[in-house]
């Protein structure tokens, strides 16, 4: 098997200056707006008791690194396959927002609080 080594050259001053200018431009941009409709859609789906609901709930709690209050342990990204197109698109919109700087994390945590309260109360009833 033939091995070729990859040789990376040092960037030129012009390339470095261009990269720094782009980075500064991006850092000055305001954070993206909260995808309120997508968060609401995922919240409403997560309140039910279906496979898609379970996957939506798992996704929302996964974003914050918290366990699903129902005790469900998902299979990572495979859970997205259980969602219909609308919910999947909502997940990607929320993930894109969450992955960058946000003005506030409150919108997601409010939804998680409501879901946690809802499912803990349902568990206590049984």
PDB file of N, CA and C in Angstrom:
ATOM      1  N   UNK A   1       0.847  -1.169   0.000  1.00  0.00           N
ATOM      2  CA  UNK A   1       0.000   0.000   0.000  1.00  0.00           C
ATOM      3  C   UNK A   1       0.893   1.232   0.000  1.00  0.00           C
ATOM      4  N   UNK A   2       0.634   2.137  -0.875  1.00  0.00           N
ATOM      5  CA  UNK A   2       1.426   3.339  -1.038  1.00  0.00           C
ATOM      6  C   UNK A   2       0.943   4.402  -0.052  1.00  0.00           C
ATOM      7  N   UNK A   3       1.860   4.935   0.730  1.00  0.00           N
ATOM      8  CA  UNK A   3       1.514   5.995   1.687  1.00  0.00           C
ATOM      9  C   UNK A   3       2.034   7.317   1.173  1.00  0.00           C
ATOM     10  N   UNK A   4       1.166   8.272   1.087  1.00  0.00           N
ATOM     11  CA  UNK A   4       1.576   9.618   0.706  1.00  0.00           C
ATOM     12  C   UNK A   4       1.418  10.503   1.927  1.00  0.00           C
ATOM     13  N   UNK A   5       2.433  11.251   2.222  1.00  0.00           N
ATOM     14  CA  UNK A   5       2.311  12.155   3.356  1.00  0.00           C
ATOM     15  C   UNK A   5       1.694  13.463   2.883  1.00  0.00           C
ATOM     16  N   UNK A   6       0.872  13.977   3.705  1.00  0.00           N
ATOM     17  CA  UNK A   6       0.205  15.229   3.398  1.00  0.00           C
ATOM     18  C   UNK A   6       1.030  16.342   4.013  1.00  0.00           C
ATOM     19  N   UNK A   7       1.477  17.242   3.200  1.00  0.00           N
ATOM     20  CA  UNK A   7       2.285  18.342   3.695  1.00  0.00           C
ATOM     21  C   UNK A   7       1.444  19.606   3.670  1.00  0.00           C
ATOM     22  N   UNK A   8       1.274  20.171   4.835  1.00  0.00           N
ATOM     23  CA  UNK A   8       0.515  21.409   4.941  1.00  0.00           C
ATOM     24  C   UNK A   8       1.487  22.571   4.966  1.00  0.00           C
ATOM     25  N   UNK A   9       1.207  23.555   4.165  1.00  0.00           N
ATOM     26  CA  UNK A   9       2.076  24.725   4.158  1.00  0.00           C
ATOM     27  C   UNK A   9       1.524  25.757   5.130  1.00  0.00           C
ATOM     28  N   UNK A  10       2.404  26.576   5.619  1.00  0.00           N
ATOM     29  CA  UNK A  10       1.993  27.654   6.512  1.00  0.00           C
ATOM     30  C   UNK A  10       1.135  28.641   5.726  1.00  0.00           C
ATOM     31  N   UNK A  11       0.087  29.164   6.345  1.00  0.00           N
ATOM     32  CA  UNK A  11      -0.730  30.151   5.635  1.00  0.00           C
ATOM     33  C   UNK A  11       0.075  31.436   5.411  1.00  0.00           C
ATOM     34  N   UNK A  12      -0.246  32.097   4.347  1.00  0.00           N
ATOM     35  CA  UNK A  12       0.415  33.376   4.074  1.00  0.00           C
ATOM     36  C   UNK A  12      -0.144  34.435   5.015  1.00  0.00           C
ATOM     37  N   UNK A  13       0.538  35.549   5.115  1.00  0.00           N
ATOM     38  CA  UNK A  13       0.054  36.638   5.956  1.00  0.00           C
ATOM     39  C   UNK A  13      -1.317  37.098   5.466  1.00  0.00           C
ATOM     40  N   UNK A  14      -1.496  37.144   4.170  1.00  0.00           N
ATOM     41  CA  UNK A  14      -2.776  37.553   3.597  1.00  0.00           C
ATOM     42  C   UNK A  14      -3.894  36.583   3.993  1.00  0.00           C
ATOM     43  N   UNK A  15      -3.617  35.281   3.939  1.00  0.00           N
ATOM     44  CA  UNK A  15      -4.614  34.279   4.331  1.00  0.00           C
ATOM     45  C   UNK A  15      -4.947  34.400   5.818  1.00  0.00           C
ATOM     46  N   UNK A  16      -3.932  34.611   6.637  1.00  0.00           N
ATOM     47  CA  UNK A  16      -4.146  34.773   8.082  1.00  0.00           C
ATOM     48  C   UNK A  16      -4.972  36.020   8.357  1.00  0.00           C
ATOM     49  N   UNK A  17      -4.630  37.120   7.700  1.00  0.00           N
ATOM     50  CA  UNK A  17      -5.383  38.367   7.885  1.00  0.00           C
ATOM     51  C   UNK A  17      -6.837  38.207   7.447  1.00  0.00           C
ATOM     52  N   UNK A  18      -7.062  37.524   6.327  1.00  0.00           N
ATOM     53  CA  UNK A  18      -8.429  37.283   5.844  1.00  0.00           C
ATOM     54  C   UNK A  18      -9.221  36.432   6.834  1.00  0.00           C
ATOM     55  N   UNK A  19      -8.583  35.402   7.370  1.00  0.00           N
ATOM     56  CA  UNK A  19      -9.259  34.520   8.332  1.00  0.00           C
ATOM     57  C   UNK A  19      -9.605  35.282   9.608  1.00  0.00           C
ATOM     58  N   UNK A  20      -8.692  36.110  10.092  1.00  0.00           N
ATOM     59  CA  UNK A  20      -8.960  36.901  11.302  1.00  0.00           C
ATOM     60  C   UNK A  20     -10.064  37.924  11.064  1.00  0.00           C
ATOM     61  N   UNK A  21     -10.070  38.545   9.891  1.00  0.00           N
ATOM     62  CA  UNK A  21     -11.125  39.511   9.570  1.00  0.00           C
ATOM     63  C   UNK A  21     -12.493  38.822   9.538  1.00  0.00           C
ATOM     64  N   UNK A  22     -12.555  37.628   8.965  1.00  0.00           N
ATOM     65  CA  UNK A  22     -13.813  36.874   8.918  1.00  0.00           C
ATOM     66  C   UNK A  22     -14.261  36.485  10.324  1.00  0.00           C
ATOM     67  N   UNK A  23     -13.336  36.056  11.150  1.00  0.00           N
ATOM     68  CA  UNK A  23     -13.658  35.684  12.526  1.00  0.00           C
ATOM     69  C   UNK A  23     -14.196  36.887  13.297  1.00  0.00           C
ATOM     70  N   UNK A  24     -13.555  38.033  13.156  1.00  0.00           N
ATOM     71  CA  UNK A  24     -14.023  39.248  13.833  1.00  0.00           C
ATOM     72  C   UNK A  24     -15.425  39.626  13.365  1.00  0.00           C
ATOM     73  N   UNK A  25     -15.671  39.489  12.058  1.00  0.00           N
ATOM     74  CA  UNK A  25     -16.993  39.818  11.509  1.00  0.00           C
ATOM     75  C   UNK A  25     -18.065  38.916  12.117  1.00  0.00           C
ATOM     76  N   UNK A  26     -17.772  37.635  12.195  1.00  0.00           N
ATOM     77  CA  UNK A  26     -18.732  36.674  12.740  1.00  0.00           C
ATOM     78  C   UNK A  26     -18.986  36.942  14.221  1.00  0.00           C
ATOM     79  N   UNK A  27     -17.937  37.278  14.962  1.00  0.00           N
ATOM     80  CA  UNK A  27     -18.093  37.528  16.397  1.00  0.00           C
ATOM     81  C   UNK A  27     -18.909  38.789  16.682  1.00  0.00           C
ATOM     82  N   UNK A  28     -18.942  39.721  15.746  1.00  0.00           N
ATOM     83  CA  UNK A  28     -19.725  40.945  15.927  1.00  0.00           C
ATOM     84  C   UNK A  28     -21.201  40.755  15.581  1.00  0.00           C
ATOM     85  N   UNK A  29     -21.521  39.662  14.931  1.00  0.00           N
ATOM     86  CA  UNK A  29     -22.907  39.421  14.529  1.00  0.00           C
ATOM     87  C   UNK A  29     -23.759  39.128  15.764  1.00  0.00           C
ATOM     88  N   UNK A  30     -24.997  39.600  15.769  1.00  0.00           N
ATOM     89  CA  UNK A  30     -25.862  39.288  16.912  1.00  0.00           C
ATOM     90  C   UNK A  30     -26.227  37.801  16.909  1.00  0.00           C
ATOM     91  N   UNK A  31     -26.493  37.257  18.097  1.00  0.00           N
ATOM     92  CA  UNK A  31     -26.927  35.854  18.149  1.00  0.00           C
ATOM     93  C   UNK A  31     -28.216  35.675  17.356  1.00  0.00           C
ATOM     94  N   UNK A  32     -28.423  34.483  16.810  1.00  0.00           N
ATOM     95  CA  UNK A  32     -29.657  34.251  16.046  1.00  0.00           C
ATOM     96  C   UNK A  32     -30.880  34.314  16.963  1.00  0.00           C
ATOM     97  N   UNK A  33     -32.029  34.654  16.405  1.00  0.00           N
ATOM     98  CA  UNK A  33     -33.242  34.704  17.228  1.00  0.00           C
ATOM     99  C   UNK A  33     -33.648  33.302  17.691  1.00  0.00           C
ATOM    100  N   UNK A  34     -34.360  33.274  18.783  1.00  0.00           N
ATOM    101  CA  UNK A  34     -34.867  32.009  19.325  1.00  0.00           C
ATOM    102  C   UNK A  34     -35.869  31.425  18.330  1.00  0.00           C
ATOM    103  N   UNK A  35     -35.724  30.157  17.967  1.00  0.00           N
ATOM    104  CA  UNK A  35     -36.692  29.527  17.055  1.00  0.00           C
ATOM    105  C   UNK A  35     -37.951  29.118  17.827  1.00  0.00           C
ATOM    106  N   UNK A  36     -38.732  30.117  18.203  1.00  0.00           N
ATOM    107  CA  UNK A  36     -39.874  29.898  19.093  1.00  0.00           C
ATOM    108  C   UNK A  36     -40.889  28.914  18.533  1.00  0.00           C
ATOM    109  N   UNK A  37     -41.188  29.022  17.246  1.00  0.00           N
ATOM    110  CA  UNK A  37     -42.180  28.110  16.658  1.00  0.00           C
ATOM    111  C   UNK A  37     -41.689  26.667  16.698  1.00  0.00           C
ATOM    112  N   UNK A  38     -40.412  26.465  16.405  1.00  0.00           N
ATOM    113  CA  UNK A  38     -39.859  25.106  16.431  1.00  0.00           C
ATOM    114  C   UNK A  38     -39.827  24.557  17.848  1.00  0.00           C
ATOM    115  N   UNK A  39     -39.440  25.391  18.808  1.00  0.00           N
ATOM    116  CA  UNK A  39     -39.448  24.939  20.206  1.00  0.00           C
ATOM    117  C   UNK A  39     -40.862  24.575  20.646  1.00  0.00           C
ATOM    118  N   UNK A  40     -41.836  25.389  20.267  1.00  0.00           N
ATOM    119  CA  UNK A  40     -43.224  25.117  20.642  1.00  0.00           C
ATOM    120  C   UNK A  40     -43.726  23.832  19.995  1.00  0.00           C
ATOM    121  N   UNK A  41     -43.395  23.635  18.733  1.00  0.00           N
ATOM    122  CA  UNK A  41     -43.794  22.417  18.023  1.00  0.00           C
ATOM    123  C   UNK A  41     -43.210  21.178  18.707  1.00  0.00           C
ATOM    124  N   UNK A  42     -41.933  21.243  19.064  1.00  0.00           N
ATOM    125  CA  UNK A  42     -41.293  20.110  19.744  1.00  0.00           C
ATOM    126  C   UNK A  42     -41.893  19.895  21.128  1.00  0.00           C
ATOM    127  N   UNK A  43     -42.185  20.981  21.835  1.00  0.00           N
ATOM    128  CA  UNK A  43     -42.811  20.858  23.152  1.00  0.00           C
ATOM    129  C   UNK A  43     -44.169  20.158  23.037  1.00  0.00           C
ATOM    130  N   UNK A  44     -44.988  20.623  22.109  1.00  0.00           N
ATOM    131  CA  UNK A  44     -46.321  20.027  21.951  1.00  0.00           C
ATOM    132  C   UNK A  44     -46.221  18.552  21.585  1.00  0.00           C
ATOM    133  N   UNK A  45     -45.284  18.213  20.720  1.00  0.00           N
ATOM    134  CA  UNK A  45     -45.098  16.796  20.356  1.00  0.00           C
ATOM    135  C   UNK A  45     -44.619  15.998  21.556  1.00  0.00           C
ATOM    136  N   UNK A  46     -43.718  16.573  22.334  1.00  0.00           N
ATOM    137  CA  UNK A  46     -43.120  15.866  23.470  1.00  0.00           C
ATOM    138  C   UNK A  46     -44.117  15.573  24.586  1.00  0.00           C
ATOM    139  N   UNK A  47     -45.235  16.257  24.592  1.00  0.00           N
ATOM    140  CA  UNK A  47     -46.242  16.066  25.646  1.00  0.00           C
ATOM    141  C   UNK A  47     -47.062  14.794  25.470  1.00  0.00           C
ATOM    142  N   UNK A  48     -47.008  14.179  24.311  1.00  0.00           N
ATOM    143  CA  UNK A  48     -47.841  13.009  24.036  1.00  0.00           C
ATOM    144  C   UNK A  48     -47.111  11.710  24.360  1.00  0.00           C
ATOM    145  N   UNK A  49     -47.711  10.603  23.978  1.00  0.00           N
ATOM    146  CA  UNK A  49     -47.164   9.288  24.310  1.00  0.00           C
ATOM    147  C   UNK A  49     -47.049   8.431  23.052  1.00  0.00           C
ATOM    148  N   UNK A  50     -46.241   8.905  22.109  1.00  0.00           N
ATOM    149  CA  UNK A  50     -45.996   8.152  20.879  1.00  0.00           C
ATOM    150  C   UNK A  50     -44.488   8.024  20.690  1.00  0.00           C
ATOM    151  N   UNK A  51     -44.080   7.268  19.704  1.00  0.00           N
ATOM    152  CA  UNK A  51     -42.653   7.142  19.415  1.00  0.00           C
ATOM    153  C   UNK A  51     -42.029   8.474  19.033  1.00  0.00           C
ATOM    154  N   UNK A  52     -42.751   9.248  18.211  1.00  0.00           N
ATOM    155  CA  UNK A  52     -42.250  10.566  17.831  1.00  0.00           C
ATOM    156  C   UNK A  52     -42.187  11.515  19.010  1.00  0.00           C
ATOM    157  N   UNK A  53     -43.164  11.395  19.907  1.00  0.00           N
ATOM    158  CA  UNK A  53     -43.173  12.231  21.109  1.00  0.00           C
ATOM    159  C   UNK A  53     -41.985  11.905  21.997  1.00  0.00           C
ATOM    160  N   UNK A  54     -41.735  10.633  22.139  1.00  0.00           N
ATOM    161  CA  UNK A  54     -40.603  10.185  22.943  1.00  0.00           C
ATOM    162  C   UNK A  54     -39.296  10.708  22.353  1.00  0.00           C
ATOM    163  N   UNK A  55     -39.166  10.640  21.036  1.00  0.00           N
ATOM    164  CA  UNK A  55     -37.952  11.110  20.365  1.00  0.00           C
ATOM    165  C   UNK A  55     -37.803  12.628  20.499  1.00  0.00           C
ATOM    166  N   UNK A  56     -38.901  13.370  20.381  1.00  0.00           N
ATOM    167  CA  UNK A  56     -38.850  14.829  20.533  1.00  0.00           C
ATOM    168  C   UNK A  56     -38.446  15.203  21.956  1.00  0.00           C
ATOM    169  N   UNK A  57     -39.027  14.530  22.932  1.00  0.00           N
ATOM    170  CA  UNK A  57     -38.704  14.794  24.337  1.00  0.00           C
ATOM    171  C   UNK A  57     -37.242  14.462  24.621  1.00  0.00           C
ATOM    172  N   UNK A  58     -36.795  13.326  24.112  1.00  0.00           N
ATOM    173  CA  UNK A  58     -35.413  12.910  24.292  1.00  0.00           C
ATOM    174  C   UNK A  58     -34.457  13.948  23.705  1.00  0.00           C
ATOM    175  N   UNK A  59     -34.781  14.461  22.526  1.00  0.00           N
ATOM    176  CA  UNK A  59     -33.946  15.471  21.875  1.00  0.00           C
ATOM    177  C   UNK A  59     -33.852  16.729  22.731  1.00  0.00           C
ATOM    178  N   UNK A  60     -34.976  17.226  23.220  1.00  0.00           N
ATOM    179  CA  UNK A  60     -34.969  18.455  24.014  1.00  0.00           C
ATOM    180  C   UNK A  60     -34.134  18.306  25.283  1.00  0.00           C
ATOM    181  N   UNK A  61     -34.293  17.187  25.983  1.00  0.00           N
ATOM    182  CA  UNK A  61     -33.504  16.990  27.201  1.00  0.00           C
ATOM    183  C   UNK A  61     -32.037  16.735  26.875  1.00  0.00           C
ATOM    184  N   UNK A  62     -31.771  16.072  25.762  1.00  0.00           N
ATOM    185  CA  UNK A  62     -30.395  15.826  25.336  1.00  0.00           C
ATOM    186  C   UNK A  62     -29.647  17.135  25.117  1.00  0.00           C
ATOM    187  N   UNK A  63     -30.321  18.141  24.541  1.00  0.00           N
ATOM    188  CA  UNK A  63     -29.670  19.427  24.287  1.00  0.00           C
ATOM    189  C   UNK A  63     -29.044  20.000  25.550  1.00  0.00           C
ATOM    190  N   UNK A  64     -29.721  19.851  26.663  1.00  0.00           N
ATOM    191  CA  UNK A  64     -29.236  20.407  27.926  1.00  0.00           C
ATOM    192  C   UNK A  64     -28.471  19.381  28.761  1.00  0.00           C
ATOM    193  N   UNK A  65     -28.282  18.187  28.222  1.00  0.00           N
ATOM    194  CA  UNK A  65     -27.541  17.168  28.965  1.00  0.00           C
ATOM    195  C   UNK A  65     -28.289  16.648  30.180  1.00  0.00           C
ATOM    196  N   UNK A  66     -29.594  16.626  30.079  1.00  0.00           N
ATOM    197  CA  UNK A  66     -30.429  16.177  31.203  1.00  0.00           C
ATOM    198  C   UNK A  66     -31.180  14.904  30.830  1.00  0.00           C
ATOM    199  N   UNK A  67     -31.485  14.080  31.828  1.00  0.00           N
ATOM    200  CA  UNK A  67     -32.225  12.846  31.539  1.00  0.00           C
ATOM    201  C   UNK A  67     -33.703  13.126  31.273  1.00  0.00           C
ATOM    202  N   UNK A  68     -34.286  12.311  30.441  1.00  0.00           N
ATOM    203  CA  UNK A  68     -35.718  12.372  30.152  1.00  0.00           C
ATOM    204  C   UNK A  68     -36.453  12.011  31.445  1.00  0.00           C
ATOM    205  N   UNK A  69     -37.410  12.835  31.884  1.00  0.00           N
ATOM    206  CA  UNK A  69     -38.104  12.556  33.149  1.00  0.00           C
ATOM    207  C   UNK A  69     -38.928  11.275  33.138  1.00  0.00           C
ATOM    208  N   UNK A  70     -39.176  10.709  31.965  1.00  0.00           N
ATOM    209  CA  UNK A  70     -39.919   9.449  31.910  1.00  0.00           C
ATOM    210  C   UNK A  70     -39.008   8.252  32.135  1.00  0.00           C
ATOM    211  N   UNK A  71     -37.695   8.501  32.158  1.00  0.00           N
ATOM    212  CA  UNK A  71     -36.740   7.409  32.322  1.00  0.00           C
ATOM    213  C   UNK A  71     -36.269   6.824  31.004  1.00  0.00           C
ATOM    214  N   UNK A  72     -36.839   7.288  29.902  1.00  0.00           N
ATOM    215  CA  UNK A  72     -36.435   6.792  28.591  1.00  0.00           C
ATOM    216  C   UNK A  72     -34.985   7.168  28.314  1.00  0.00           C
ATOM    217  N   UNK A  73     -34.217   6.202  27.835  1.00  0.00           N
ATOM    218  CA  UNK A  73     -32.835   6.447  27.418  1.00  0.00           C
ATOM    219  C   UNK A  73     -32.781   6.174  25.924  1.00  0.00           C
ATOM    220  N   UNK A  74     -32.539   7.211  25.164  1.00  0.00           N
ATOM    221  CA  UNK A  74     -32.556   7.108  23.707  1.00  0.00           C
ATOM    222  C   UNK A  74     -31.270   6.561  23.126  1.00  0.00           C
ATOM    223  N   UNK A  75     -31.281   6.430  21.822  1.00  0.00           N
ATOM    224  CA  UNK A  75     -30.131   5.927  21.075  1.00  0.00           C
ATOM    225  C   UNK A  75     -29.494   7.034  20.247  1.00  0.00           C
ATOM    226  N   UNK A  76     -29.258   8.171  20.865  1.00  0.00           N
ATOM    227  CA  UNK A  76     -28.570   9.265  20.192  1.00  0.00           C
ATOM    228  C   UNK A  76     -29.302   9.755  18.960  1.00  0.00           C
ATOM    229  N   UNK A  77     -28.528  10.018  17.925  1.00  0.00           N
ATOM    230  CA  UNK A  77     -29.072  10.551  16.685  1.00  0.00           C
ATOM    231  C   UNK A  77     -30.049   9.634  15.986  1.00  0.00           C
ATOM    232  N   UNK A  78     -30.021   8.354  16.325  1.00  0.00           N
ATOM    233  CA  UNK A  78     -30.986   7.420  15.722  1.00  0.00           C
ATOM    234  C   UNK A  78     -32.423   7.809  16.057  1.00  0.00           C
ATOM    235  N   UNK A  79     -32.607   8.490  17.176  1.00  0.00           N
ATOM    236  CA  UNK A  79     -33.958   8.900  17.572  1.00  0.00           C
ATOM    237  C   UNK A  79     -34.580   9.852  16.550  1.00  0.00           C
ATOM    238  N   UNK A  80     -33.748  10.608  15.840  1.00  0.00           N
ATOM    239  CA  UNK A  80     -34.281  11.528  14.824  1.00  0.00           C
ATOM    240  C   UNK A  80     -35.031  10.789  13.727  1.00  0.00           C
ATOM    241  N   UNK A  81     -34.692   9.543  13.501  1.00  0.00           N
ATOM    242  CA  UNK A  81     -35.358   8.753  12.463  1.00  0.00           C
ATOM    243  C   UNK A  81     -36.825   8.482  12.802  1.00  0.00           C
ATOM    244  N   UNK A  82     -37.173   8.621  14.063  1.00  0.00           N
ATOM    245  CA  UNK A  82     -38.547   8.365  14.490  1.00  0.00           C
ATOM    246  C   UNK A  82     -39.455   9.575  14.277  1.00  0.00           C
ATOM    247  N   UNK A  83     -38.870  10.690  13.888  1.00  0.00           N
ATOM    248  CA  UNK A  83     -39.634  11.925  13.741  1.00  0.00           C
ATOM    249  C   UNK A  83     -40.124  12.119  12.312  1.00  0.00           C
ATOM    250  N   UNK A  84     -41.277  12.773  12.183  1.00  0.00           N
ATOM    251  CA  UNK A  84     -41.735  13.131  10.842  1.00  0.00           C
ATOM    252  C   UNK A  84     -40.914  14.329  10.356  1.00  0.00           C
ATOM    253  N   UNK A  85     -41.093  14.683   9.113  1.00  0.00           N
ATOM    254  CA  UNK A  85     -40.289  15.747   8.494  1.00  0.00           C
ATOM    255  C   UNK A  85     -40.397  17.065   9.256  1.00  0.00           C
ATOM    256  N   UNK A  86     -41.600  17.433   9.664  1.00  0.00           N
ATOM    257  CA  UNK A  86     -41.817  18.706  10.352  1.00  0.00           C
ATOM    258  C   UNK A  86     -41.054  18.752  11.677  1.00  0.00           C
ATOM    259  N   UNK A  87     -41.127  17.679  12.453  1.00  0.00           N
ATOM    260  CA  UNK A  87     -40.424  17.648  13.734  1.00  0.00           C
ATOM    261  C   UNK A  87     -38.912  17.569  13.535  1.00  0.00           C
ATOM    262  N   UNK A  88     -38.496  16.825  12.535  1.00  0.00           N
ATOM    263  CA  UNK A  88     -37.061  16.726  12.245  1.00  0.00           C
ATOM    264  C   UNK A  88     -36.504  18.098  11.867  1.00  0.00           C
ATOM    265  N   UNK A  89     -37.220  18.823  11.013  1.00  0.00           N
ATOM    266  CA  UNK A  89     -36.786  20.171  10.632  1.00  0.00           C
ATOM    267  C   UNK A  89     -36.731  21.087  11.854  1.00  0.00           C
ATOM    268  N   UNK A  90     -37.712  20.950  12.743  1.00  0.00           N
ATOM    269  CA  UNK A  90     -37.719  21.751  13.968  1.00  0.00           C
ATOM    270  C   UNK A  90     -36.497  21.426  14.829  1.00  0.00           C
ATOM    271  N   UNK A  91     -36.158  20.152  14.924  1.00  0.00           N
ATOM    272  CA  UNK A  91     -34.971  19.752  15.694  1.00  0.00           C
ATOM    273  C   UNK A  91     -33.716  20.408  15.140  1.00  0.00           C
ATOM    274  N   UNK A  92     -33.562  20.376  13.827  1.00  0.00           N
ATOM    275  CA  UNK A  92     -32.360  20.957  13.229  1.00  0.00           C
ATOM    276  C   UNK A  92     -32.314  22.473  13.408  1.00  0.00           C
ATOM    277  N   UNK A  93     -33.463  23.121  13.345  1.00  0.00           N
ATOM    278  CA  UNK A  93     -33.497  24.570  13.562  1.00  0.00           C
ATOM    279  C   UNK A  93     -33.111  24.900  15.002  1.00  0.00           C
ATOM    280  N   UNK A  94     -33.641  24.148  15.951  1.00  0.00           N
ATOM    281  CA  UNK A  94     -33.316  24.370  17.359  1.00  0.00           C
ATOM    282  C   UNK A  94     -31.843  24.050  17.622  1.00  0.00           C
ATOM    283  N   UNK A  95     -31.346  22.968  17.053  1.00  0.00           N
ATOM    284  CA  UNK A  95     -29.940  22.603  17.241  1.00  0.00           C
ATOM    285  C   UNK A  95     -29.020  23.684  16.682  1.00  0.00           C
ATOM    286  N   UNK A  96     -29.346  24.218  15.530  1.00  0.00           N
ATOM    287  CA  UNK A  96     -28.536  25.280  14.937  1.00  0.00           C
ATOM    288  C   UNK A  96     -28.497  26.502  15.850  1.00  0.00           C
ATOM    289  N   UNK A  97     -29.635  26.848  16.432  1.00  0.00           N
ATOM    290  CA  UNK A  97     -29.698  27.969  17.378  1.00  0.00           C
ATOM    291  C   UNK A  97     -28.888  27.654  18.625  1.00  0.00           C
ATOM    292  N   UNK A  98     -29.067  26.467  19.178  1.00  0.00           N
ATOM    293  CA  UNK A  98     -28.449  26.081  20.442  1.00  0.00           C
ATOM    294  C   UNK A  98     -26.930  25.948  20.322  1.00  0.00           C
ATOM    295  N   UNK A  99     -26.441  25.580  19.153  1.00  0.00           N
ATOM    296  CA  UNK A  99     -25.013  25.321  18.957  1.00  0.00           C
ATOM    297  C   UNK A  99     -24.172  26.595  18.960  1.00  0.00           C
ATOM    298  N   UNK A 100     -24.790  27.726  18.734  1.00  0.00           N
ATOM    299  CA  UNK A 100     -24.035  28.973  18.699  1.00  0.00           C
ATOM    300  C   UNK A 100     -24.296  29.795  19.943  1.00  0.00           C
ATOM    301  N   UNK A 101     -23.815  31.017  19.945  1.00  0.00           N
ATOM    302  CA  UNK A 101     -24.111  31.881  21.091  1.00  0.00           C
ATOM    303  C   UNK A 101     -25.601  32.226  21.098  1.00  0.00           C
ATOM    304  N   UNK A 102     -26.173  32.280  22.268  1.00  0.00           N
ATOM    305  CA  UNK A 102     -27.583  32.655  22.404  1.00  0.00           C
ATOM    306  C   UNK A 102     -27.677  33.864  23.323  1.00  0.00           C
ATOM    307  N   UNK A 103     -28.726  34.640  23.160  1.00  0.00           N
ATOM    308  CA  UNK A 103     -28.958  35.750  24.101  1.00  0.00           C
ATOM    309  C   UNK A 103     -29.314  35.184  25.469  1.00  0.00           C
ATOM    310  N   UNK A 104     -30.045  34.086  25.448  1.00  0.00           N
ATOM    311  CA  UNK A 104     -30.503  33.471  26.688  1.00  0.00           C
ATOM    312  C   UNK A 104     -30.841  32.009  26.429  1.00  0.00           C
ATOM    313  N   UNK A 105     -30.547  31.174  27.404  1.00  0.00           N
ATOM    314  CA  UNK A 105     -30.908  29.760  27.329  1.00  0.00           C
ATOM    315  C   UNK A 105     -32.297  29.510  27.915  1.00  0.00           C
ATOM    316  N   UNK A 106     -32.894  30.550  28.447  1.00  0.00           N
ATOM    317  CA  UNK A 106     -34.173  30.434  29.143  1.00  0.00           C
ATOM    318  C   UNK A 106     -35.272  29.757  28.324  1.00  0.00           C
ATOM    319  N   UNK A 107     -35.439  30.068  27.031  1.00  0.00           N
ATOM    320  CA  UNK A 107     -36.543  29.421  26.297  1.00  0.00           C
ATOM    321  C   UNK A 107     -36.493  27.893  26.347  1.00  0.00           C
ATOM    322  N   UNK A 108     -35.311  27.317  26.199  1.00  0.00           N
ATOM    323  CA  UNK A 108     -35.210  25.855  26.262  1.00  0.00           C
ATOM    324  C   UNK A 108     -35.473  25.368  27.679  1.00  0.00           C
ATOM    325  N   UNK A 109     -34.863  26.015  28.668  1.00  0.00           N
ATOM    326  CA  UNK A 109     -35.018  25.546  30.043  1.00  0.00           C
ATOM    327  C   UNK A 109     -36.451  25.692  30.553  1.00  0.00           C
ATOM    328  N   UNK A 110     -37.190  26.676  30.057  1.00  0.00           N
ATOM    329  CA  UNK A 110     -38.608  26.786  30.432  1.00  0.00           C
ATOM    330  C   UNK A 110     -39.392  25.585  29.913  1.00  0.00           C
ATOM    331  N   UNK A 111     -39.108  25.181  28.689  1.00  0.00           N
ATOM    332  CA  UNK A 111     -39.780  24.011  28.113  1.00  0.00           C
ATOM    333  C   UNK A 111     -39.413  22.754  28.887  1.00  0.00           C
ATOM    334  N   UNK A 112     -38.148  22.604  29.230  1.00  0.00           N
ATOM    335  CA  UNK A 112     -37.725  21.423  29.993  1.00  0.00           C
ATOM    336  C   UNK A 112     -38.393  21.393  31.362  1.00  0.00           C
ATOM    337  N   UNK A 113     -38.516  22.557  31.991  1.00  0.00           N
ATOM    338  CA  UNK A 113     -39.179  22.624  33.297  1.00  0.00           C
ATOM    339  C   UNK A 113     -40.638  22.183  33.185  1.00  0.00           C
ATOM    340  N   UNK A 114     -41.327  22.672  32.147  1.00  0.00           N
ATOM    341  CA  UNK A 114     -42.737  22.293  31.958  1.00  0.00           C
ATOM    342  C   UNK A 114     -42.874  20.799  31.678  1.00  0.00           C
ATOM    343  N   UNK A 115     -42.000  20.267  30.832  1.00  0.00           N
ATOM    344  CA  UNK A 115     -42.059  18.830  30.533  1.00  0.00           C
ATOM    345  C   UNK A 115     -41.745  18.004  31.773  1.00  0.00           C
ATOM    346  N   UNK A 116     -40.745  18.427  32.514  1.00  0.00           N
ATOM    347  CA  UNK A 116     -40.377  17.688  33.728  1.00  0.00           C
ATOM    348  C   UNK A 116     -41.552  17.662  34.697  1.00  0.00           C
ATOM    349  N   UNK A 117     -42.159  18.828  34.923  1.00  0.00           N
ATOM    350  CA  UNK A 117     -43.312  18.898  35.831  1.00  0.00           C
ATOM    351  C   UNK A 117     -44.447  18.014  35.344  1.00  0.00           C
ATOM    352  N   UNK A 118     -44.714  18.057  34.074  1.00  0.00           N
ATOM    353  CA  UNK A 118     -45.811  17.272  33.495  1.00  0.00           C
ATOM    354  C   UNK A 118     -45.599  15.775  33.700  1.00  0.00           C
ATOM    355  N   UNK A 119     -44.407  15.290  33.404  1.00  0.00           N
ATOM    356  CA  UNK A 119     -44.174  13.849  33.460  1.00  0.00           C
ATOM    357  C   UNK A 119     -43.887  13.344  34.867  1.00  0.00           C
ATOM    358  N   UNK A 120     -43.335  14.175  35.716  1.00  0.00           N
ATOM    359  CA  UNK A 120     -43.146  13.757  37.105  1.00  0.00           C
ATOM    360  C   UNK A 120     -44.510  13.635  37.778  1.00  0.00           C
ATOM    361  N   UNK A 121     -45.417  14.576  37.498  1.00  0.00           N
ATOM    362  CA  UNK A 121     -46.768  14.503  38.062  1.00  0.00           C
ATOM    363  C   UNK A 121     -47.507  13.274  37.554  1.00  0.00           C
ATOM    364  N   UNK A 122     -47.361  12.950  36.268  1.00  0.00           N
ATOM    365  CA  UNK A 122     -48.022  11.760  35.719  1.00  0.00           C
ATOM    366  C   UNK A 122     -47.469  10.494  36.353  1.00  0.00           C
ATOM    367  N   UNK A 123     -46.168  10.462  36.605  1.00  0.00           N
ATOM    368  CA  UNK A 123     -45.544   9.293  37.225  1.00  0.00           C
ATOM    369  C   UNK A 123     -46.034   9.126  38.658  1.00  0.00           C
ATOM    370  N   UNK A 124     -46.210  10.242  39.364  1.00  0.00           N
ATOM    371  CA  UNK A 124     -46.674  10.181  40.752  1.00  0.00           C
ATOM    372  C   UNK A 124     -48.121   9.703  40.847  1.00  0.00           C
ATOM    373  N   UNK A 125     -48.927   9.939  39.810  1.00  0.00           N
ATOM    374  CA  UNK A 125     -50.328   9.512  39.810  1.00  0.00           C
ATOM    375  C   UNK A 125     -50.457   8.000  39.692  1.00  0.00           C
ATOM    376  N   UNK A 126     -49.487   7.370  39.056  1.00  0.00           N
ATOM    377  CA  UNK A 126     -49.596   5.924  38.838  1.00  0.00           C
ATOM    378  C   UNK A 126     -48.993   5.137  39.960  1.00  0.00           C
TER     379      UNK A 126
END
